[in-house]
Amino acid sequence: MKNIILSILAIFLLSGCHHEYVEPTPENGIALLQGTWISTDDKESQIQFQDEVKVDIYMGETMNQDVYVLELKEDGLYLMVNGDEDNFEYKINKITEKELSLTYLARGNTLKYTR
């Protein structure tokens, strides 16, 4: 009986820790983006998403605050940031609760973030 209870408990715990990948859409993408993301290349570089505003932070100082939208295209989900002087377009390669990977289309470089 003890082994059965331990087996059921193990299954319950393992199933609770499993996070299935969900294809991002504009609706769930905005919810997944919310909060602070830290660059995997430079821990001093962070981005925050607060409702429809993207905030770029470096060494604790706010560098930019710009409005953004998500746009679904044939080949995936895109982050469109409307800056004061320029517009920035990123392809969202991956977004989960813990990971964010973007390709900055103007340069073709990939930016990776974690929480």
C-alpha atoms as a PDB file:
ATOM      1  CA  MET A   1       0.000   0.000   0.000  1.00  0.00           C
ATOM      2  CA  LYS A   2       2.860   2.370   0.865  1.00  0.00           C
ATOM      3  CA  ASN A   3       4.445   1.772  -2.563  1.00  0.00           C
ATOM      4  CA  ILE A   4       1.159   2.514  -4.334  1.00  0.00           C
ATOM      5  CA  ILE A   5       0.755   5.793  -2.467  1.00  0.00           C
ATOM      6  CA  LEU A   6       4.366   6.765  -3.234  1.00  0.00           C
ATOM      7  CA  SER A   7       3.847   5.908  -6.929  1.00  0.00           C
ATOM      8  CA  ILE A   8       0.685   8.001  -7.140  1.00  0.00           C
ATOM      9  CA  LEU A   9       2.426  10.876  -5.358  1.00  0.00           C
ATOM     10  CA  ALA A  10       5.403  10.673  -7.758  1.00  0.00           C
ATOM     11  CA  ILE A  11       3.098  10.732 -10.797  1.00  0.00           C
ATOM     12  CA  PHE A  12       1.207  13.692  -9.378  1.00  0.00           C
ATOM     13  CA  LEU A  13       4.390  15.664  -8.674  1.00  0.00           C
ATOM     14  CA  LEU A  14       5.961  14.893 -12.038  1.00  0.00           C
ATOM     15  CA  SER A  15       2.848  15.817 -13.970  1.00  0.00           C
ATOM     16  CA  GLY A  16       2.639  19.109 -12.077  1.00  0.00           C
ATOM     17  CA  CYS A  17       6.206  20.024 -13.043  1.00  0.00           C
ATOM     18  CA  HIS A  18       5.744  19.349 -16.733  1.00  0.00           C
ATOM     19  CA  HIS A  19       5.119  22.449 -18.851  1.00  0.00           C
ATOM     20  CA  GLU A  20       3.932  21.800 -22.350  1.00  0.00           C
ATOM     21  CA  TYR A  21       5.032  24.204 -25.047  1.00  0.00           C
ATOM     22  CA  VAL A  22       2.136  26.302 -26.301  1.00  0.00           C
ATOM     23  CA  GLU A  23       2.373  28.014 -29.689  1.00  0.00           C
ATOM     24  CA  PRO A  24       2.411  31.759 -28.952  1.00  0.00           C
ATOM     25  CA  THR A  25      -0.369  33.979 -30.251  1.00  0.00           C
ATOM     26  CA  PRO A  26      -0.829  37.738 -29.820  1.00  0.00           C
ATOM     27  CA  GLU A  27      -3.229  37.044 -26.954  1.00  0.00           C
ATOM     28  CA  ASN A  28      -1.175  34.572 -24.903  1.00  0.00           C
ATOM     29  CA  GLY A  29       2.124  36.148 -26.028  1.00  0.00           C
ATOM     30  CA  ILE A  30       1.331  39.426 -24.270  1.00  0.00           C
ATOM     31  CA  ALA A  31       0.541  37.535 -21.068  1.00  0.00           C
ATOM     32  CA  LEU A  32       3.763  35.501 -21.328  1.00  0.00           C
ATOM     33  CA  LEU A  33       5.892  38.612 -21.965  1.00  0.00           C
ATOM     34  CA  GLN A  34       4.770  40.506 -18.850  1.00  0.00           C
ATOM     35  CA  GLY A  35       7.490  41.036 -16.269  1.00  0.00           C
ATOM     36  CA  THR A  36      11.272  41.331 -16.238  1.00  0.00           C
ATOM     37  CA  TRP A  37      13.644  39.425 -18.534  1.00  0.00           C
ATOM     38  CA  ILE A  38      17.427  39.250 -18.038  1.00  0.00           C
ATOM     39  CA  SER A  39      19.792  38.851 -20.987  1.00  0.00           C
ATOM     40  CA  THR A  40      21.761  35.589 -21.031  1.00  0.00           C
ATOM     41  CA  ASP A  41      24.672  37.445 -22.686  1.00  0.00           C
ATOM     42  CA  ASP A  42      24.828  40.462 -20.345  1.00  0.00           C
ATOM     43  CA  LYS A  43      23.231  40.229 -16.890  1.00  0.00           C
ATOM     44  CA  GLU A  44      23.171  44.054 -16.685  1.00  0.00           C
ATOM     45  CA  SER A  45      20.785  44.191 -19.663  1.00  0.00           C
ATOM     46  CA  GLN A  46      17.110  43.681 -18.894  1.00  0.00           C
ATOM     47  CA  ILE A  47      13.814  44.241 -20.613  1.00  0.00           C
ATOM     48  CA  GLN A  48      10.477  44.659 -18.890  1.00  0.00           C
ATOM     49  CA  PHE A  49       7.044  44.371 -20.390  1.00  0.00           C
ATOM     50  CA  GLN A  50       4.395  46.351 -18.508  1.00  0.00           C
ATOM     51  CA  ASP A  51       1.038  46.045 -20.229  1.00  0.00           C
ATOM     52  CA  GLU A  52       1.731  47.451 -23.745  1.00  0.00           C
ATOM     53  CA  VAL A  53       5.038  49.153 -22.882  1.00  0.00           C
ATOM     54  CA  LYS A  54       8.522  47.647 -23.375  1.00  0.00           C
ATOM     55  CA  VAL A  55      11.173  49.102 -21.068  1.00  0.00           C
ATOM     56  CA  ASP A  56      14.892  48.665 -21.814  1.00  0.00           C
ATOM     57  CA  ILE A  57      17.058  48.741 -18.682  1.00  0.00           C
ATOM     58  CA  TYR A  58      20.838  48.690 -18.444  1.00  0.00           C
ATOM     59  CA  MET A  59      22.737  48.655 -15.137  1.00  0.00           C
ATOM     60  CA  GLY A  60      19.516  49.536 -13.341  1.00  0.00           C
ATOM     61  CA  GLU A  61      18.783  52.621 -15.443  1.00  0.00           C
ATOM     62  CA  THR A  62      15.853  52.957 -17.826  1.00  0.00           C
ATOM     63  CA  MET A  63      17.164  53.542 -21.346  1.00  0.00           C
ATOM     64  CA  ASN A  64      13.911  53.460 -23.375  1.00  0.00           C
ATOM     65  CA  GLN A  65      10.184  53.060 -22.872  1.00  0.00           C
ATOM     66  CA  ASP A  66       8.248  52.280 -26.019  1.00  0.00           C
ATOM     67  CA  VAL A  67       4.831  50.974 -26.970  1.00  0.00           C
ATOM     68  CA  TYR A  68       4.766  47.513 -28.538  1.00  0.00           C
ATOM     69  CA  VAL A  69       2.307  45.196 -30.257  1.00  0.00           C
ATOM     70  CA  LEU A  70       2.468  41.547 -31.236  1.00  0.00           C
ATOM     71  CA  GLU A  71       1.670  40.637 -34.810  1.00  0.00           C
ATOM     72  CA  LEU A  72       0.952  37.157 -36.111  1.00  0.00           C
ATOM     73  CA  LYS A  73       2.363  36.547 -39.588  1.00  0.00           C
ATOM     74  CA  GLU A  74       2.457  33.414 -41.739  1.00  0.00           C
ATOM     75  CA  ASP A  75       5.824  32.356 -40.341  1.00  0.00           C
ATOM     76  CA  GLY A  76       5.265  33.174 -36.673  1.00  0.00           C
ATOM     77  CA  LEU A  77       4.782  35.816 -34.029  1.00  0.00           C
ATOM     78  CA  TYR A  78       6.523  39.201 -34.187  1.00  0.00           C
ATOM     79  CA  LEU A  79       7.209  41.885 -31.612  1.00  0.00           C
ATOM     80  CA  MET A  80       6.811  45.366 -33.098  1.00  0.00           C
ATOM     81  CA  VAL A  81       8.219  48.198 -30.964  1.00  0.00           C
ATOM     82  CA  ASN A  82       7.347  51.782 -31.865  1.00  0.00           C
ATOM     83  CA  GLY A  83      10.195  54.014 -30.692  1.00  0.00           C
ATOM     84  CA  ASP A  84      10.353  57.795 -30.766  1.00  0.00           C
ATOM     85  CA  GLU A  85      12.661  57.873 -33.780  1.00  0.00           C
ATOM     86  CA  ASP A  86      12.705  54.281 -35.051  1.00  0.00           C
ATOM     87  CA  ASN A  87      10.522  51.215 -35.179  1.00  0.00           C
ATOM     88  CA  PHE A  88      12.032  47.879 -34.167  1.00  0.00           C
ATOM     89  CA  GLU A  89      10.885  44.478 -35.382  1.00  0.00           C
ATOM     90  CA  TYR A  90      11.733  41.192 -33.686  1.00  0.00           C
ATOM     91  CA  LYS A  91      10.698  37.658 -34.559  1.00  0.00           C
ATOM     92  CA  ILE A  92       9.761  35.711 -31.456  1.00  0.00           C
ATOM     93  CA  ASN A  93      11.615  32.412 -31.781  1.00  0.00           C
ATOM     94  CA  LYS A  94      10.593  31.025 -28.410  1.00  0.00           C
ATOM     95  CA  ILE A  95       8.566  32.232 -25.475  1.00  0.00           C
ATOM     96  CA  THR A  96       7.754  30.269 -22.335  1.00  0.00           C
ATOM     97  CA  GLU A  97       7.265  31.222 -18.716  1.00  0.00           C
ATOM     98  CA  LYS A  98      11.066  31.130 -18.225  1.00  0.00           C
ATOM     99  CA  GLU A  99      12.672  31.699 -21.665  1.00  0.00           C
ATOM    100  CA  LEU A 100      12.457  34.344 -24.372  1.00  0.00           C
ATOM    101  CA  SER A 101      14.362  34.252 -27.662  1.00  0.00           C
ATOM    102  CA  LEU A 102      14.060  37.088 -30.189  1.00  0.00           C
ATOM    103  CA  THR A 103      15.703  37.769 -33.539  1.00  0.00           C
ATOM    104  CA  TYR A 104      16.272  41.473 -34.169  1.00  0.00           C
ATOM    105  CA  LEU A 105      15.471  41.610 -37.877  1.00  0.00           C
ATOM    106  CA  ALA A 106      17.504  44.727 -38.749  1.00  0.00           C
ATOM    107  CA  ARG A 107      20.734  42.967 -37.733  1.00  0.00           C
ATOM    108  CA  GLY A 108      19.739  39.309 -37.744  1.00  0.00           C
ATOM    109  CA  ASN A 109      21.140  38.695 -34.260  1.00  0.00           C
ATOM    110  CA  THR A 110      19.400  36.547 -31.672  1.00  0.00           C
ATOM    111  CA  LEU A 111      18.707  37.907 -28.194  1.00  0.00           C
ATOM    112  CA  LYS A 112      18.046  35.420 -25.391  1.00  0.00           C
ATOM    113  CA  TYR A 113      16.511  36.159 -22.006  1.00  0.00           C
ATOM    114  CA  THR A 114      15.480  34.259 -18.896  1.00  0.00           C
ATOM    115  CA  ARG A 115      13.567  35.090 -15.740  1.00  0.00           C
END
